[in-house]
Structure formats: structure tokens, C-alpha cells
Amino acid sequence: MVSDKIKITNPSGLHLRPAGIFCKEAMRFKSRITFGAKGSTANAKSVLSVLGACVKCGDIIELCCDGEDEELALEAMRGVIETGLGE
């Protein structure tokens, strides 16, 4: 398992469109991808789970990837977050 803390920088946080982009990226990988935010854990492959985490701009999430392609998954997820999730 690999993990990293990442700051959400896009202005509107993980609302519907960025959450969809986030999930679409996560679904490309076989690894289990979750993140912790505000004391709860969310499944990065579920839009409802991501939206339920209520992640806002400036929040720091701990992204965890566990599986055969975990390193690639973590790098890709970090990349999609750092590029602003389509915003």
C-alpha cells in the first residue's frame, strides 16, 4: 500500500464535475483507491462516496492505493488533482 497527502487546489473542491473526473481516473486502475478527509474514508471509484466526503478547496486528503498497480495509480491520481480536476 502507498499513500500521500494532497491538497485540493481547484476553486470548487470535489463537486460533481471534478468528482466525476476524479472517479474516472481512479477506475482506470485495478488497485483499491480510497482517500481520507475530515475523519472519514471514501472510495475514490464511487462518485457518491467522493461527493459525500464534502471536500472543499484547500482541504488536504490522504490518498491510499493498494494493489498491483498502486504506484502508477497514486501518481496518476496526484497528477489529476494537481492539474485542477478539469477546472
PDB file of N, CA and C in Angstrom:
ATOM      1  N   MET A   1       0.840  -1.180   0.000  1.00  0.00           N
ATOM      2  CA  MET A   1       0.000   0.000   0.000  1.00  0.00           C
ATOM      3  C   MET A   1       0.884   1.242   0.000  1.00  0.00           C
ATOM      4  N   VAL A   2       0.477   2.226  -0.803  1.00  0.00           N
ATOM      5  CA  VAL A   2       1.169   3.503  -0.843  1.00  0.00           C
ATOM      6  C   VAL A   2       0.149   4.597  -0.557  1.00  0.00           C
ATOM      7  N   SER A   3       0.626   5.692   0.035  1.00  0.00           N
ATOM      8  CA  SER A   3      -0.287   6.800   0.329  1.00  0.00           C
ATOM      9  C   SER A   3       0.461   8.124   0.260  1.00  0.00           C
ATOM     10  N   ASP A   4      -0.310   9.183   0.140  1.00  0.00           N
ATOM     11  CA  ASP A   4       0.260  10.521   0.077  1.00  0.00           C
ATOM     12  C   ASP A   4      -0.812  11.532   0.465  1.00  0.00           C
ATOM     13  N   LYS A   5      -0.390  12.600   1.097  1.00  0.00           N
ATOM     14  CA  LYS A   5      -1.314  13.688   1.436  1.00  0.00           C
ATOM     15  C   LYS A   5      -1.248  14.730   0.327  1.00  0.00           C
ATOM     16  N   ILE A   6      -2.433  15.111  -0.169  1.00  0.00           N
ATOM     17  CA  ILE A   6      -2.511  16.018  -1.303  1.00  0.00           C
ATOM     18  C   ILE A   6      -3.528  17.114  -1.000  1.00  0.00           C
ATOM     19  N   LYS A   7      -3.166  18.347  -1.316  1.00  0.00           N
ATOM     20  CA  LYS A   7      -4.065  19.477  -1.108  1.00  0.00           C
ATOM     21  C   LYS A   7      -4.945  19.674  -2.341  1.00  0.00           C
ATOM     22  N   ILE A   8      -6.233  19.834  -2.122  1.00  0.00           N
ATOM     23  CA  ILE A   8      -7.174  20.102  -3.212  1.00  0.00           C
ATOM     24  C   ILE A   8      -7.097  21.593  -3.527  1.00  0.00           C
ATOM     25  N   THR A   9      -6.724  21.923  -4.755  1.00  0.00           N
ATOM     26  CA  THR A   9      -6.490  23.327  -5.103  1.00  0.00           C
ATOM     27  C   THR A   9      -7.520  23.926  -6.049  1.00  0.00           C
ATOM     28  N   ASN A  10      -8.352  23.075  -6.675  1.00  0.00           N
ATOM     29  CA  ASN A  10      -9.318  23.678  -7.590  1.00  0.00           C
ATOM     30  C   ASN A  10     -10.364  24.448  -6.781  1.00  0.00           C
ATOM     31  N   PRO A  11     -10.836  25.577  -7.294  1.00  0.00           N
ATOM     32  CA  PRO A  11     -11.660  26.523  -6.521  1.00  0.00           C
ATOM     33  C   PRO A  11     -12.938  25.948  -5.918  1.00  0.00           C
ATOM     34  N   SER A  12     -13.541  24.971  -6.551  1.00  0.00           N
ATOM     35  CA  SER A  12     -14.826  24.479  -6.051  1.00  0.00           C
ATOM     36  C   SER A  12     -14.727  23.131  -5.339  1.00  0.00           C
ATOM     37  N   GLY A  13     -13.528  22.645  -5.088  1.00  0.00           N
ATOM     38  CA  GLY A  13     -13.372  21.372  -4.400  1.00  0.00           C
ATOM     39  C   GLY A  13     -13.845  20.212  -5.266  1.00  0.00           C
ATOM     40  N   LEU A  14     -14.318  19.155  -4.613  1.00  0.00           N
ATOM     41  CA  LEU A  14     -14.766  17.972  -5.348  1.00  0.00           C
ATOM     42  C   LEU A  14     -16.283  17.980  -5.505  1.00  0.00           C
ATOM     43  N   HIS A  15     -16.798  18.946  -6.261  1.00  0.00           N
ATOM     44  CA  HIS A  15     -18.225  18.946  -6.581  1.00  0.00           C
ATOM     45  C   HIS A  15     -18.445  17.994  -7.751  1.00  0.00           C
ATOM     46  N   LEU A  16     -19.614  17.962  -8.343  1.00  0.00           N
ATOM     47  CA  LEU A  16     -19.987  16.895  -9.271  1.00  0.00           C
ATOM     48  C   LEU A  16     -19.028  16.683 -10.446  1.00  0.00           C
ATOM     49  N   ARG A  17     -18.708  17.715 -11.204  1.00  0.00           N
ATOM     50  CA  ARG A  17     -17.847  17.502 -12.386  1.00  0.00           C
ATOM     51  C   ARG A  17     -16.437  17.054 -11.991  1.00  0.00           C
ATOM     52  N   PRO A  18     -15.763  17.743 -11.059  1.00  0.00           N
ATOM     53  CA  PRO A  18     -14.438  17.258 -10.662  1.00  0.00           C
ATOM     54  C   PRO A  18     -14.480  15.872 -10.009  1.00  0.00           C
ATOM     55  N   ALA A  19     -15.538  15.573  -9.271  1.00  0.00           N
ATOM     56  CA  ALA A  19     -15.669  14.249  -8.655  1.00  0.00           C
ATOM     57  C   ALA A  19     -15.764  13.176  -9.742  1.00  0.00           C
ATOM     58  N   GLY A  20     -16.469  13.477 -10.827  1.00  0.00           N
ATOM     59  CA  GLY A  20     -16.567  12.540 -11.944  1.00  0.00           C
ATOM     60  C   GLY A  20     -15.223  12.294 -12.597  1.00  0.00           C
ATOM     61  N   ILE A  21     -14.447  13.351 -12.776  1.00  0.00           N
ATOM     62  CA  ILE A  21     -13.109  13.227 -13.361  1.00  0.00           C
ATOM     63  C   ILE A  21     -12.204  12.416 -12.434  1.00  0.00           C
ATOM     64  N   PHE A  22     -12.299  12.700 -11.141  1.00  0.00           N
ATOM     65  CA  PHE A  22     -11.532  12.003 -10.110  1.00  0.00           C
ATOM     66  C   PHE A  22     -11.845  10.497 -10.156  1.00  0.00           C
ATOM     67  N   CYS A  23     -13.118  10.158 -10.182  1.00  0.00           N
ATOM     68  CA  CYS A  23     -13.549   8.751 -10.211  1.00  0.00           C
ATOM     69  C   CYS A  23     -13.156   8.063 -11.509  1.00  0.00           C
ATOM     70  N   LYS A  24     -13.320   8.755 -12.615  1.00  0.00           N
ATOM     71  CA  LYS A  24     -12.969   8.168 -13.912  1.00  0.00           C
ATOM     72  C   LYS A  24     -11.487   7.797 -13.936  1.00  0.00           C
ATOM     73  N   GLU A  25     -10.648   8.664 -13.380  1.00  0.00           N
ATOM     74  CA  GLU A  25      -9.213   8.378 -13.318  1.00  0.00           C
ATOM     75  C   GLU A  25      -8.956   7.167 -12.418  1.00  0.00           C
ATOM     76  N   ALA A  26      -9.618   7.118 -11.263  1.00  0.00           N
ATOM     77  CA  ALA A  26      -9.423   6.012 -10.316  1.00  0.00           C
ATOM     78  C   ALA A  26      -9.842   4.679 -10.920  1.00  0.00           C
ATOM     79  N   MET A  27     -10.889   4.676 -11.719  1.00  0.00           N
ATOM     80  CA  MET A  27     -11.405   3.440 -12.296  1.00  0.00           C
ATOM     81  C   MET A  27     -10.480   2.834 -13.360  1.00  0.00           C
ATOM     82  N   ARG A  28      -9.493   3.575 -13.797  1.00  0.00           N
ATOM     83  CA  ARG A  28      -8.533   3.051 -14.772  1.00  0.00           C
ATOM     84  C   ARG A  28      -7.608   1.998 -14.162  1.00  0.00           C
ATOM     85  N   PHE A  29      -7.586   1.913 -12.833  1.00  0.00           N
ATOM     86  CA  PHE A  29      -6.621   1.061 -12.140  1.00  0.00           C
ATOM     87  C   PHE A  29      -7.291  -0.101 -11.418  1.00  0.00           C
ATOM     88  N   LYS A  30      -6.552  -1.193 -11.295  1.00  0.00           N
ATOM     89  CA  LYS A  30      -7.061  -2.366 -10.589  1.00  0.00           C
ATOM     90  C   LYS A  30      -6.979  -2.191  -9.078  1.00  0.00           C
ATOM     91  N   SER A  31      -6.072  -1.356  -8.631  1.00  0.00           N
ATOM     92  CA  SER A  31      -5.867  -1.153  -7.201  1.00  0.00           C
ATOM     93  C   SER A  31      -7.105  -0.571  -6.524  1.00  0.00           C
ATOM     94  N   ARG A  32      -7.221  -0.868  -5.248  1.00  0.00           N
ATOM     95  CA  ARG A  32      -8.246  -0.242  -4.411  1.00  0.00           C
ATOM     96  C   ARG A  32      -7.740   1.165  -4.098  1.00  0.00           C
ATOM     97  N   ILE A  33      -8.551   2.183  -4.389  1.00  0.00           N
ATOM     98  CA  ILE A  33      -8.137   3.568  -4.167  1.00  0.00           C
ATOM     99  C   ILE A  33      -9.151   4.235  -3.246  1.00  0.00           C
ATOM    100  N   THR A  34      -8.664   4.693  -2.116  1.00  0.00           N
ATOM    101  CA  THR A  34      -9.510   5.386  -1.150  1.00  0.00           C
ATOM    102  C   THR A  34      -8.822   6.675  -0.738  1.00  0.00           C
ATOM    103  N   PHE A  35      -9.588   7.546  -0.084  1.00  0.00           N
ATOM    104  CA  PHE A  35      -8.961   8.727   0.494  1.00  0.00           C
ATOM    105  C   PHE A  35      -9.652   9.072   1.801  1.00  0.00           C
ATOM    106  N   GLY A  36      -8.866   9.642   2.680  1.00  0.00           N
ATOM    107  CA  GLY A  36      -9.385  10.083   3.969  1.00  0.00           C
ATOM    108  C   GLY A  36      -9.496  11.591   3.971  1.00  0.00           C
ATOM    109  N   ALA A  37     -10.641  12.066   4.454  1.00  0.00           N
ATOM    110  CA  ALA A  37     -10.861  13.505   4.554  1.00  0.00           C
ATOM    111  C   ALA A  37     -11.835  13.768   5.695  1.00  0.00           C
ATOM    112  N   LYS A  38     -11.490  14.717   6.533  1.00  0.00           N
ATOM    113  CA  LYS A  38     -12.382  15.149   7.618  1.00  0.00           C
ATOM    114  C   LYS A  38     -12.843  13.988   8.497  1.00  0.00           C
ATOM    115  N   GLY A  39     -11.930  13.055   8.774  1.00  0.00           N
ATOM    116  CA  GLY A  39     -12.236  11.960   9.674  1.00  0.00           C
ATOM    117  C   GLY A  39     -12.998  10.792   9.082  1.00  0.00           C
ATOM    118  N   SER A  40     -13.229  10.791   7.778  1.00  0.00           N
ATOM    119  CA  SER A  40     -13.924   9.670   7.154  1.00  0.00           C
ATOM    120  C   SER A  40     -13.115   9.156   5.967  1.00  0.00           C
ATOM    121  N   THR A  41     -13.462   7.972   5.493  1.00  0.00           N
ATOM    122  CA  THR A  41     -12.793   7.373   4.347  1.00  0.00           C
ATOM    123  C   THR A  41     -13.791   7.225   3.213  1.00  0.00           C
ATOM    124  N   ALA A  42     -13.347   7.549   1.996  1.00  0.00           N
ATOM    125  CA  ALA A  42     -14.217   7.471   0.824  1.00  0.00           C
ATOM    126  C   ALA A  42     -13.578   6.608  -0.246  1.00  0.00           C
ATOM    127  N   ASN A  43     -14.416   5.952  -1.027  1.00  0.00           N
ATOM    128  CA  ASN A  43     -13.984   5.143  -2.157  1.00  0.00           C
ATOM    129  C   ASN A  43     -13.808   6.074  -3.359  1.00  0.00           C
ATOM    130  N   ALA A  44     -12.598   6.166  -3.887  1.00  0.00           N
ATOM    131  CA  ALA A  44     -12.317   7.082  -4.993  1.00  0.00           C
ATOM    132  C   ALA A  44     -12.969   6.648  -6.298  1.00  0.00           C
ATOM    133  N   LYS A  45     -13.492   5.422  -6.354  1.00  0.00           N
ATOM    134  CA  LYS A  45     -14.124   4.930  -7.576  1.00  0.00           C
ATOM    135  C   LYS A  45     -15.643   5.109  -7.561  1.00  0.00           C
ATOM    136  N   SER A  46     -16.164   5.743  -6.512  1.00  0.00           N
ATOM    137  CA  SER A  46     -17.608   5.971  -6.381  1.00  0.00           C
ATOM    138  C   SER A  46     -17.900   7.464  -6.305  1.00  0.00           C
ATOM    139  N   VAL A  47     -18.617   7.981  -7.293  1.00  0.00           N
ATOM    140  CA  VAL A  47     -18.946   9.410  -7.298  1.00  0.00           C
ATOM    141  C   VAL A  47     -19.718   9.788  -6.039  1.00  0.00           C
ATOM    142  N   LEU A  48     -20.672   8.956  -5.626  1.00  0.00           N
ATOM    143  CA  LEU A  48     -21.445   9.274  -4.425  1.00  0.00           C
ATOM    144  C   LEU A  48     -20.575   9.322  -3.180  1.00  0.00           C
ATOM    145  N   SER A  49     -19.627   8.414  -3.091  1.00  0.00           N
ATOM    146  CA  SER A  49     -18.703   8.406  -1.961  1.00  0.00           C
ATOM    147  C   SER A  49     -17.825   9.653  -1.960  1.00  0.00           C
ATOM    148  N   VAL A  50     -17.330  10.033  -3.130  1.00  0.00           N
ATOM    149  CA  VAL A  50     -16.489  11.233  -3.253  1.00  0.00           C
ATOM    150  C   VAL A  50     -17.293  12.480  -2.894  1.00  0.00           C
ATOM    151  N   LEU A  51     -18.494  12.594  -3.425  1.00  0.00           N
ATOM    152  CA  LEU A  51     -19.337  13.753  -3.111  1.00  0.00           C
ATOM    153  C   LEU A  51     -19.677  13.791  -1.630  1.00  0.00           C
ATOM    154  N   GLY A  52     -19.913  12.633  -1.037  1.00  0.00           N
ATOM    155  CA  GLY A  52     -20.264  12.555   0.380  1.00  0.00           C
ATOM    156  C   GLY A  52     -19.145  12.990   1.307  1.00  0.00           C
ATOM    157  N   ALA A  53     -17.919  13.001   0.820  1.00  0.00           N
ATOM    158  CA  ALA A  53     -16.779  13.431   1.640  1.00  0.00           C
ATOM    159  C   ALA A  53     -16.752  14.948   1.822  1.00  0.00           C
ATOM    160  N   CYS A  54     -17.492  15.672   0.992  1.00  0.00           N
ATOM    161  CA  CYS A  54     -17.604  17.145   1.090  1.00  0.00           C
ATOM    162  C   CYS A  54     -16.242  17.834   1.117  1.00  0.00           C
ATOM    163  N   VAL A  55     -15.388  17.490   0.170  1.00  0.00           N
ATOM    164  CA  VAL A  55     -14.044  18.063   0.104  1.00  0.00           C
ATOM    165  C   VAL A  55     -14.105  19.420  -0.580  1.00  0.00           C
ATOM    166  N   LYS A  56     -13.558  20.426   0.090  1.00  0.00           N
ATOM    167  CA  LYS A  56     -13.560  21.805  -0.400  1.00  0.00           C
ATOM    168  C   LYS A  56     -12.148  22.222  -0.810  1.00  0.00           C
ATOM    169  N   CYS A  57     -12.057  23.350  -1.483  1.00  0.00           N
ATOM    170  CA  CYS A  57     -10.768  23.918  -1.861  1.00  0.00           C
ATOM    171  C   CYS A  57      -9.931  24.158  -0.601  1.00  0.00           C
ATOM    172  N   GLY A  58      -8.688  23.739  -0.650  1.00  0.00           N
ATOM    173  CA  GLY A  58      -7.781  23.918   0.482  1.00  0.00           C
ATOM    174  C   GLY A  58      -7.732  22.729   1.421  1.00  0.00           C
ATOM    175  N   ASP A  59      -8.681  21.809   1.320  1.00  0.00           N
ATOM    176  CA  ASP A  59      -8.662  20.609   2.164  1.00  0.00           C
ATOM    177  C   ASP A  59      -7.510  19.705   1.745  1.00  0.00           C
ATOM    178  N   ILE A  60      -6.971  18.996   2.708  1.00  0.00           N
ATOM    179  CA  ILE A  60      -5.911  18.032   2.438  1.00  0.00           C
ATOM    180  C   ILE A  60      -6.498  16.642   2.611  1.00  0.00           C
ATOM    181  N   ILE A  61      -6.344  15.821   1.576  1.00  0.00           N
ATOM    182  CA  ILE A  61      -6.822  14.441   1.646  1.00  0.00           C
ATOM    183  C   ILE A  61      -5.628  13.505   1.698  1.00  0.00           C
ATOM    184  N   GLU A  62      -5.814  12.351   2.316  1.00  0.00           N
ATOM    185  CA  GLU A  62      -4.771  11.319   2.287  1.00  0.00           C
ATOM    186  C   GLU A  62      -5.233  10.238   1.330  1.00  0.00           C
ATOM    187  N   LEU A  63      -4.586  10.173   0.204  1.00  0.00           N
ATOM    188  CA  LEU A  63      -4.926   9.234  -0.858  1.00  0.00           C
ATOM    189  C   LEU A  63      -4.163   7.940  -0.626  1.00  0.00           C
ATOM    190  N   CYS A  64      -4.879   6.795  -0.623  1.00  0.00           N
ATOM    191  CA  CYS A  64      -4.263   5.485  -0.402  1.00  0.00           C
ATOM    192  C   CYS A  64      -4.581   4.561  -1.567  1.00  0.00           C
ATOM    193  N   CYS A  65      -3.557   3.909  -2.088  1.00  0.00           N
ATOM    194  CA  CYS A  65      -3.720   2.967  -3.194  1.00  0.00           C
ATOM    195  C   CYS A  65      -3.124   1.633  -2.765  1.00  0.00           C
ATOM    196  N   ASP A  66      -3.874   0.566  -2.997  1.00  0.00           N
ATOM    197  CA  ASP A  66      -3.440  -0.760  -2.577  1.00  0.00           C
ATOM    198  C   ASP A  66      -3.762  -1.773  -3.670  1.00  0.00           C
ATOM    199  N   GLY A  67      -2.725  -2.357  -4.259  1.00  0.00           N
ATOM    200  CA  GLY A  67      -2.938  -3.357  -5.303  1.00  0.00           C
ATOM    201  C   GLY A  67      -1.755  -3.443  -6.236  1.00  0.00           C
ATOM    202  N   GLU A  68      -1.942  -4.198  -7.304  1.00  0.00           N
ATOM    203  CA  GLU A  68      -0.828  -4.488  -8.203  1.00  0.00           C
ATOM    204  C   GLU A  68      -0.293  -3.280  -8.960  1.00  0.00           C
ATOM    205  N   ASP A  69      -1.124  -2.266  -9.176  1.00  0.00           N
ATOM    206  CA  ASP A  69      -0.663  -1.065  -9.890  1.00  0.00           C
ATOM    207  C   ASP A  69      -0.728   0.180  -9.002  1.00  0.00           C
ATOM    208  N   GLU A  70      -0.493  -0.026  -7.706  1.00  0.00           N
ATOM    209  CA  GLU A  70      -0.655   1.052  -6.723  1.00  0.00           C
ATOM    210  C   GLU A  70       0.234   2.269  -6.975  1.00  0.00           C
ATOM    211  N   GLU A  71       1.482   2.047  -7.357  1.00  0.00           N
ATOM    212  CA  GLU A  71       2.397   3.177  -7.596  1.00  0.00           C
ATOM    213  C   GLU A  71       1.904   4.031  -8.765  1.00  0.00           C
ATOM    214  N   LEU A  72       1.527   3.373  -9.856  1.00  0.00           N
ATOM    215  CA  LEU A  72       1.004   4.095 -11.018  1.00  0.00           C
ATOM    216  C   LEU A  72      -0.288   4.829 -10.668  1.00  0.00           C
ATOM    217  N   ALA A  73      -1.142   4.170  -9.902  1.00  0.00           N
ATOM    218  CA  ALA A  73      -2.421   4.774  -9.513  1.00  0.00           C
ATOM    219  C   ALA A  73      -2.195   6.031  -8.683  1.00  0.00           C
ATOM    220  N   LEU A  74      -1.285   5.958  -7.718  1.00  0.00           N
ATOM    221  CA  LEU A  74      -1.020   7.121  -6.868  1.00  0.00           C
ATOM    222  C   LEU A  74      -0.489   8.289  -7.693  1.00  0.00           C
ATOM    223  N   GLU A  75       0.446   8.014  -8.594  1.00  0.00           N
ATOM    224  CA  GLU A  75       0.999   9.079  -9.437  1.00  0.00           C
ATOM    225  C   GLU A  75      -0.075   9.698 -10.333  1.00  0.00           C
ATOM    226  N   ALA A  76      -0.923   8.863 -10.920  1.00  0.00           N
ATOM    227  CA  ALA A  76      -1.978   9.372 -11.798  1.00  0.00           C
ATOM    228  C   ALA A  76      -2.998  10.199 -11.020  1.00  0.00           C
ATOM    229  N   MET A  77      -3.381   9.719  -9.845  1.00  0.00           N
ATOM    230  CA  MET A  77      -4.362  10.452  -9.038  1.00  0.00           C
ATOM    231  C   MET A  77      -3.772  11.784  -8.562  1.00  0.00           C
ATOM    232  N   ARG A  78      -2.502  11.773  -8.166  1.00  0.00           N
ATOM    233  CA  ARG A  78      -1.841  13.015  -7.769  1.00  0.00           C
ATOM    234  C   ARG A  78      -1.827  13.988  -8.956  1.00  0.00           C
ATOM    235  N   GLY A  79      -1.524  13.471 -10.139  1.00  0.00           N
ATOM    236  CA  GLY A  79      -1.464  14.306 -11.328  1.00  0.00           C
ATOM    237  C   GLY A  79      -2.799  14.939 -11.668  1.00  0.00           C
ATOM    238  N   VAL A  80      -3.876  14.174 -11.604  1.00  0.00           N
ATOM    239  CA  VAL A  80      -5.196  14.715 -11.949  1.00  0.00           C
ATOM    240  C   VAL A  80      -5.631  15.764 -10.915  1.00  0.00           C
ATOM    241  N   ILE A  81      -5.264  15.587  -9.673  1.00  0.00           N
ATOM    242  CA  ILE A  81      -5.600  16.572  -8.632  1.00  0.00           C
ATOM    243  C   ILE A  81      -4.781  17.845  -8.850  1.00  0.00           C
ATOM    244  N   GLU A  82      -3.480  17.683  -9.083  1.00  0.00           N
ATOM    245  CA  GLU A  82      -2.602  18.851  -9.242  1.00  0.00           C
ATOM    246  C   GLU A  82      -2.908  19.663 -10.488  1.00  0.00           C
ATOM    247  N   THR A  83      -3.520  19.058 -11.499  1.00  0.00           N
ATOM    248  CA  THR A  83      -3.884  19.806 -12.699  1.00  0.00           C
ATOM    249  C   THR A  83      -5.264  20.450 -12.575  1.00  0.00           C
ATOM    250  N   GLY A  84      -5.897  20.342 -11.417  1.00  0.00           N
ATOM    251  CA  GLY A  84      -7.140  21.083 -11.164  1.00  0.00           C
ATOM    252  C   GLY A  84      -8.423  20.350 -11.471  1.00  0.00           C
ATOM    253  N   LEU A  85      -8.373  19.060 -11.756  1.00  0.00           N
ATOM    254  CA  LEU A  85      -9.590  18.267 -11.975  1.00  0.00           C
ATOM    255  C   LEU A  85     -10.505  18.874 -13.034  1.00  0.00           C
ATOM    256  N   GLY A  86      -9.908  19.352 -14.105  1.00  0.00           N
ATOM    257  CA  GLY A  86     -10.699  19.873 -15.222  1.00  0.00           C
ATOM    258  C   GLY A  86     -11.188  21.293 -15.059  1.00  0.00           C
ATOM    259  N   GLU A  87     -10.744  21.982 -14.035  1.00  0.00           N
ATOM    260  CA  GLU A  87     -11.192  23.380 -13.836  1.00  0.00           C
ATOM    261  C   GLU A  87     -10.050  24.356 -13.970  1.00  0.00           C
TER     262      GLU A  87
END
